[in-house]
Amino acid sequence: MEENRRVILAGDIGGTHTRLALFQMEGEGLLQSLVEETFPSGEFAGLDQIVSQFLSAHNLPVERACFGVAGPIKHNRQPTCTGWWTLAN
């Protein structure tokens, strides 16, 4: 893949599964999907481990990131099926 792409990392963070995707920004508000993967949330100690694994596999420089989190967030923590993840603001 090309090195000079403007890439966004997007994530759907759930208690059971975490879905991550990379999109290339093209023109005025247009996005092209590059890759998407689903991870079992309960098999990871935190979101950082999933993101690291995903980005290592695809080796693209990410310019921006956005995550949607399902369910309640209490004191910067989200429940997963095996415990709680700490999320930073």
Protein backbone atom coordinates (compact mmCIF):
# COMPACT_ATOMS: atom_id res chain seq x y z
CA MET A 1 0.00 0.00 0.00
CA GLU A 2 1.10 3.56 -0.64
CA GLU A 3 2.95 5.39 2.12
CA ASN A 4 1.41 8.88 1.66
CA ARG A 5 -2.25 8.06 2.19
CA ARG A 6 -4.41 10.07 4.58
CA VAL A 7 -5.81 7.26 6.72
CA ILE A 8 -8.50 7.18 9.43
CA LEU A 9 -8.74 4.39 12.00
CA ALA A 10 -12.38 3.77 12.96
CA GLY A 11 -13.57 1.44 15.70
CA ASP A 12 -16.82 0.01 17.03
CA ILE A 13 -16.01 -1.06 20.58
CA GLY A 14 -18.41 -3.56 22.15
CA GLY A 15 -18.43 -5.81 25.16
CA THR A 16 -18.33 -8.93 22.98
CA HIS A 17 -16.59 -7.82 19.78
CA THR A 18 -14.41 -4.92 18.64
CA ARG A 19 -14.47 -3.98 14.97
CA LEU A 20 -11.65 -1.89 13.52
CA ALA A 21 -11.33 -0.48 10.02
CA LEU A 22 -9.00 1.74 8.04
CA PHE A 23 -10.37 4.29 5.58
CA GLN A 24 -8.51 6.46 3.10
CA MET A 25 -9.67 10.08 2.87
CA GLU A 26 -10.39 11.04 -0.74
CA GLY A 27 -11.58 14.46 -1.84
CA GLU A 28 -14.36 16.34 -0.09
CA GLY A 29 -15.64 14.03 2.63
CA LEU A 30 -15.25 10.85 0.61
CA LEU A 31 -13.82 7.74 2.26
CA GLN A 32 -12.58 4.51 0.71
CA SER A 33 -12.62 1.39 2.90
CA LEU A 34 -9.19 -0.25 2.95
CA VAL A 35 -9.52 -3.08 5.50
CA GLU A 36 -11.80 -4.22 8.33
CA GLU A 37 -11.36 -6.83 11.07
CA THR A 38 -13.38 -8.09 14.04
CA PHE A 39 -11.72 -9.09 17.32
CA PRO A 40 -13.23 -10.90 20.35
CA SER A 41 -13.07 -8.20 23.05
CA GLY A 42 -12.86 -10.68 25.91
CA GLU A 43 -9.56 -12.14 24.65
CA PHE A 44 -7.71 -8.83 25.13
CA ALA A 45 -6.81 -6.91 28.28
CA GLY A 46 -7.61 -3.60 26.60
CA LEU A 47 -8.31 -1.69 23.43
CA ASP A 48 -4.65 -0.73 23.06
CA GLN A 49 -3.70 -4.39 22.48
CA ILE A 50 -6.29 -4.78 19.72
CA VAL A 51 -5.29 -1.53 18.02
CA SER A 52 -1.58 -2.44 18.17
CA GLN A 53 -2.20 -5.86 16.63
CA PHE A 54 -4.43 -4.40 13.91
CA LEU A 55 -2.06 -1.59 12.96
CA SER A 56 0.98 -3.89 12.97
CA ALA A 57 -0.76 -6.18 10.51
CA HIS A 58 -1.61 -3.37 8.08
CA ASN A 59 1.39 -1.00 8.43
CA LEU A 60 -0.31 2.25 7.39
CA PRO A 61 0.28 5.62 9.07
CA VAL A 62 -2.95 6.72 10.74
CA GLU A 63 -3.68 10.44 10.65
CA ARG A 64 -6.90 10.36 12.70
CA ALA A 65 -8.93 7.94 14.80
CA CYS A 66 -12.51 7.74 16.03
CA PHE A 67 -14.14 5.11 18.25
CA GLY A 68 -17.76 4.42 19.10
CA VAL A 69 -18.29 2.63 22.40
CA ALA A 70 -21.39 0.52 23.05
CA GLY A 71 -22.95 0.44 26.48
CA PRO A 72 -22.29 2.39 29.65
CA ILE A 73 -19.03 4.14 30.47
CA LYS A 74 -18.55 4.61 34.20
CA HIS A 75 -15.46 6.34 35.58
CA ASN A 76 -13.69 5.91 32.19
CA ARG A 77 -14.32 2.15 32.23
CA GLN A 78 -16.33 -0.01 29.83
CA PRO A 79 -17.57 -3.53 30.58
CA THR A 80 -16.40 -6.38 28.33
CA CYS A 81 -17.49 -9.99 28.57
CA THR A 82 -14.47 -10.83 30.75
CA GLY A 83 -14.11 -7.68 32.83
CA TRP A 84 -13.68 -3.93 32.45
CA TRP A 85 -11.47 -1.95 30.09
CA THR A 86 -10.17 1.46 31.12
CA LEU A 87 -10.73 4.11 28.43
CA ALA A 88 -9.07 7.53 28.36
CA ASN A 89 -10.97 10.66 27.33
